[in-house]
Amino acid sequence: MVSSTNKKDTKPHKENVKKYRGVRQRKWGSCVAEIRDIRMNKRHWLRSAATTDEAALVYDKASIEIKGPNSLTNTLKPTPKESDPIHD
């Protein structure tokens, strides 16, 4: 007798999972925010989060703090540190 249940069927479909920069989902469902240091070729764990959206926000804040206002983020846009002389 052949079982109709396949282990691959129990995994969530990738197209249903949002992909964010610096966010990965663990096998058991919790999410992790990490940031890479390309100079040292290392990943730095930031924190665990309940959702991918929450982990993306953690990554964005760390990215702006570490890499500066021109860093690539998921949802946050860095606020300008100085006033724009053109619009003053």
N, C-alpha and C. Protein backbone atom coordinates (compact mmCIF):
# COMPACT_ATOMS: atom_id res chain seq x y z
N MET A 1 0.85 -1.18 0.00
CA MET A 1 0.00 0.00 0.00
C MET A 1 0.89 1.24 0.00
N VAL A 2 0.58 2.19 -0.84
CA VAL A 2 1.35 3.41 -0.96
C VAL A 2 0.64 4.52 -0.21
N SER A 3 1.41 5.21 0.64
CA SER A 3 0.84 6.32 1.40
C SER A 3 0.66 7.53 0.49
N SER A 4 -0.48 8.19 0.62
CA SER A 4 -0.73 9.37 -0.21
C SER A 4 -0.15 10.64 0.42
N THR A 5 0.36 10.52 1.65
CA THR A 5 0.93 11.68 2.32
C THR A 5 2.42 11.76 2.00
N ASN A 6 2.85 12.92 1.60
CA ASN A 6 4.24 13.15 1.26
C ASN A 6 4.78 14.21 2.21
N LYS A 7 5.99 14.04 2.71
CA LYS A 7 6.58 15.02 3.62
C LYS A 7 6.67 16.41 2.99
N LYS A 8 6.90 16.47 1.70
CA LYS A 8 7.02 17.76 1.02
C LYS A 8 5.71 18.54 1.07
N ASP A 9 4.59 17.84 1.18
CA ASP A 9 3.28 18.50 1.21
C ASP A 9 3.06 19.29 2.50
N THR A 10 3.78 18.98 3.56
CA THR A 10 3.57 19.65 4.85
C THR A 10 4.31 20.98 4.95
N LYS A 11 5.23 21.25 4.06
CA LYS A 11 5.98 22.51 4.10
C LYS A 11 5.14 23.63 3.51
N PRO A 12 5.27 24.86 4.06
CA PRO A 12 4.52 25.97 3.47
C PRO A 12 5.05 26.28 2.07
N HIS A 13 4.16 26.70 1.22
CA HIS A 13 4.56 27.06 -0.14
C HIS A 13 5.35 28.35 -0.11
N LYS A 14 6.47 28.39 -0.81
CA LYS A 14 7.34 29.56 -0.80
C LYS A 14 6.64 30.80 -1.34
N GLU A 15 5.71 30.64 -2.27
CA GLU A 15 5.06 31.82 -2.82
C GLU A 15 4.13 32.48 -1.81
N ASN A 16 3.77 31.78 -0.72
CA ASN A 16 2.91 32.35 0.31
C ASN A 16 3.70 33.07 1.40
N VAL A 17 5.02 32.98 1.37
CA VAL A 17 5.86 33.58 2.41
C VAL A 17 6.50 34.86 1.85
N LYS A 18 6.35 35.97 2.61
CA LYS A 18 6.98 37.22 2.19
C LYS A 18 8.48 37.11 2.36
N LYS A 19 9.21 37.60 1.40
CA LYS A 19 10.67 37.59 1.48
C LYS A 19 11.15 39.00 1.79
N TYR A 20 11.87 39.12 2.88
CA TYR A 20 12.45 40.39 3.28
C TYR A 20 13.96 40.25 3.37
N ARG A 21 14.64 41.32 3.12
CA ARG A 21 16.09 41.38 3.26
C ARG A 21 16.42 41.20 4.74
N GLY A 22 17.36 40.29 5.05
CA GLY A 22 17.82 40.09 6.42
C GLY A 22 16.89 39.30 7.31
N VAL A 23 15.89 38.66 6.73
CA VAL A 23 14.91 37.90 7.51
C VAL A 23 14.86 36.47 7.00
N ARG A 24 14.86 35.54 7.93
CA ARG A 24 14.65 34.15 7.53
C ARG A 24 13.68 33.51 8.51
N GLN A 25 12.97 32.52 8.02
CA GLN A 25 12.01 31.82 8.86
C GLN A 25 12.58 30.45 9.22
N ARG A 26 12.53 30.15 10.50
CA ARG A 26 13.02 28.85 10.96
C ARG A 26 12.03 27.75 10.59
N LYS A 27 12.49 26.51 10.66
CA LYS A 27 11.65 25.37 10.29
C LYS A 27 10.37 25.31 11.11
N TRP A 28 10.44 25.71 12.38
CA TRP A 28 9.29 25.61 13.27
C TRP A 28 8.42 26.86 13.25
N GLY A 29 8.74 27.84 12.38
CA GLY A 29 7.84 28.95 12.16
C GLY A 29 8.26 30.31 12.68
N SER A 30 9.13 30.37 13.69
CA SER A 30 9.55 31.69 14.18
C SER A 30 10.50 32.33 13.18
N CYS A 31 10.62 33.64 13.27
CA CYS A 31 11.44 34.39 12.32
C CYS A 31 12.65 34.98 13.01
N VAL A 32 13.70 35.20 12.25
CA VAL A 32 14.95 35.74 12.77
C VAL A 32 15.39 36.89 11.89
N ALA A 33 15.85 37.97 12.53
CA ALA A 33 16.43 39.10 11.81
C ALA A 33 17.94 39.02 11.97
N GLU A 34 18.65 39.08 10.85
CA GLU A 34 20.11 39.04 10.84
C GLU A 34 20.61 40.09 9.87
N ILE A 35 21.83 40.55 10.11
CA ILE A 35 22.45 41.50 9.19
C ILE A 35 23.84 40.99 8.86
N ARG A 36 24.25 41.15 7.61
CA ARG A 36 25.56 40.67 7.18
C ARG A 36 26.58 41.78 7.22
N ASP A 37 27.77 41.43 7.67
CA ASP A 37 28.92 42.33 7.61
C ASP A 37 29.79 41.79 6.49
N ILE A 38 29.71 42.42 5.32
CA ILE A 38 30.43 41.88 4.16
C ILE A 38 31.93 42.02 4.29
N ARG A 39 32.38 42.99 5.09
CA ARG A 39 33.83 43.15 5.28
C ARG A 39 34.42 41.99 6.05
N MET A 40 33.67 41.49 7.03
CA MET A 40 34.14 40.37 7.86
C MET A 40 33.57 39.04 7.38
N ASN A 41 32.68 39.07 6.38
CA ASN A 41 32.01 37.88 5.87
C ASN A 41 31.32 37.10 6.99
N LYS A 42 30.55 37.84 7.82
CA LYS A 42 29.84 37.23 8.94
C LYS A 42 28.41 37.73 8.98
N ARG A 43 27.54 36.90 9.55
CA ARG A 43 26.17 37.30 9.83
C ARG A 43 26.06 37.62 11.31
N HIS A 44 25.35 38.70 11.63
CA HIS A 44 25.13 39.07 13.03
C HIS A 44 23.65 38.90 13.33
N TRP A 45 23.37 38.06 14.32
CA TRP A 45 22.00 37.81 14.73
C TRP A 45 21.49 39.05 15.45
N LEU A 46 20.32 39.54 15.07
CA LEU A 46 19.74 40.71 15.71
C LEU A 46 18.73 40.31 16.77
N ARG A 47 17.72 39.53 16.35
CA ARG A 47 16.75 39.03 17.34
C ARG A 47 15.72 38.15 16.68
N SER A 48 15.02 37.39 17.48
CA SER A 48 13.90 36.58 16.99
C SER A 48 12.65 37.44 16.98
N ALA A 49 11.71 37.07 16.13
CA ALA A 49 10.45 37.80 16.04
C ALA A 49 9.32 36.83 15.74
N ALA A 50 8.11 37.23 16.06
CA ALA A 50 6.96 36.37 15.84
C ALA A 50 6.54 36.34 14.37
N THR A 51 6.75 37.45 13.67
CA THR A 51 6.32 37.53 12.26
C THR A 51 7.46 38.03 11.38
N THR A 52 7.34 37.79 10.09
CA THR A 52 8.35 38.30 9.16
C THR A 52 8.31 39.82 9.08
N ASP A 53 7.12 40.40 9.22
CA ASP A 53 7.01 41.87 9.20
C ASP A 53 7.77 42.50 10.37
N GLU A 54 7.64 41.91 11.55
CA GLU A 54 8.34 42.41 12.73
C GLU A 54 9.86 42.26 12.57
N ALA A 55 10.29 41.12 12.06
CA ALA A 55 11.72 40.89 11.85
C ALA A 55 12.28 41.85 10.80
N ALA A 56 11.49 42.16 9.77
CA ALA A 56 11.92 43.11 8.74
C ALA A 56 12.13 44.49 9.33
N LEU A 57 11.27 44.91 10.25
CA LEU A 57 11.41 46.20 10.90
C LEU A 57 12.67 46.25 11.76
N VAL A 58 12.97 45.16 12.46
CA VAL A 58 14.20 45.07 13.26
C VAL A 58 15.42 45.20 12.35
N TYR A 59 15.41 44.49 11.22
CA TYR A 59 16.51 44.57 10.27
C TYR A 59 16.67 45.99 9.74
N ASP A 60 15.57 46.62 9.37
CA ASP A 60 15.62 47.98 8.81
C ASP A 60 16.28 48.96 9.77
N LYS A 61 15.86 48.91 11.04
CA LYS A 61 16.43 49.83 12.04
C LYS A 61 17.92 49.59 12.20
N ALA A 62 18.34 48.33 12.26
CA ALA A 62 19.76 48.01 12.41
C ALA A 62 20.54 48.41 11.16
N SER A 63 19.97 48.21 10.00
CA SER A 63 20.65 48.55 8.75
C SER A 63 20.91 50.05 8.66
N ILE A 64 19.93 50.85 9.02
CA ILE A 64 20.09 52.31 8.99
C ILE A 64 21.14 52.74 10.00
N GLU A 65 21.10 52.13 11.20
CA GLU A 65 22.05 52.49 12.25
C GLU A 65 23.48 52.09 11.88
N ILE A 66 23.66 50.90 11.31
CA ILE A 66 25.00 50.39 11.02
C ILE A 66 25.54 50.91 9.69
N LYS A 67 24.72 50.86 8.65
CA LYS A 67 25.20 51.18 7.31
C LYS A 67 24.92 52.61 6.87
N GLY A 68 24.09 53.32 7.62
CA GLY A 68 23.83 54.72 7.29
C GLY A 68 22.53 54.93 6.53
N PRO A 69 22.22 56.19 6.25
CA PRO A 69 20.93 56.53 5.64
C PRO A 69 20.74 56.02 4.21
N ASN A 70 21.78 55.63 3.54
CA ASN A 70 21.66 55.13 2.17
C ASN A 70 21.56 53.61 2.10
N SER A 71 21.39 52.95 3.25
CA SER A 71 21.32 51.49 3.26
C SER A 71 20.02 51.01 2.64
N LEU A 72 20.06 49.80 2.12
CA LEU A 72 18.86 49.18 1.55
C LEU A 72 18.01 48.64 2.69
N THR A 73 16.74 48.98 2.68
CA THR A 73 15.83 48.53 3.73
C THR A 73 14.61 47.86 3.10
N ASN A 74 13.80 47.25 3.94
CA ASN A 74 12.59 46.59 3.48
C ASN A 74 11.42 47.56 3.39
N THR A 75 11.15 48.26 4.48
CA THR A 75 9.98 49.14 4.52
C THR A 75 10.31 50.54 5.02
N LEU A 76 11.24 50.66 5.94
CA LEU A 76 11.57 51.97 6.51
C LEU A 76 12.40 52.80 5.55
N LYS A 77 12.12 54.07 5.53
CA LYS A 77 12.95 55.03 4.81
C LYS A 77 13.65 55.89 5.85
N PRO A 78 14.97 55.97 5.83
CA PRO A 78 15.69 56.74 6.84
C PRO A 78 15.33 58.22 6.77
N THR A 79 15.24 58.83 7.94
CA THR A 79 14.98 60.27 7.97
C THR A 79 16.28 61.01 7.75
N PRO A 80 16.24 62.11 7.01
CA PRO A 80 17.48 62.86 6.77
C PRO A 80 18.01 63.45 8.07
N LYS A 81 19.32 63.34 8.28
CA LYS A 81 19.96 63.85 9.49
C LYS A 81 20.10 65.37 9.45
N GLU A 82 20.31 65.90 8.25
CA GLU A 82 20.51 67.34 8.10
C GLU A 82 19.38 67.91 7.25
N SER A 83 19.11 69.18 7.41
CA SER A 83 18.08 69.80 6.58
C SER A 83 18.60 69.95 5.16
N ASP A 84 17.71 69.94 4.23
CA ASP A 84 18.06 70.05 2.81
C ASP A 84 18.21 71.53 2.46
N PRO A 85 19.41 71.99 2.10
CA PRO A 85 19.62 73.41 1.83
C PRO A 85 18.83 73.93 0.63
N ILE A 86 18.44 73.05 -0.26
CA ILE A 86 17.68 73.47 -1.44
C ILE A 86 16.27 73.91 -1.05
N HIS A 87 15.69 73.23 -0.06
CA HIS A 87 14.32 73.50 0.33
C HIS A 87 14.20 74.42 1.54
N ASP A 88 15.28 74.94 2.06
CA ASP A 88 15.24 75.83 3.23
C ASP A 88 14.96 77.25 2.83
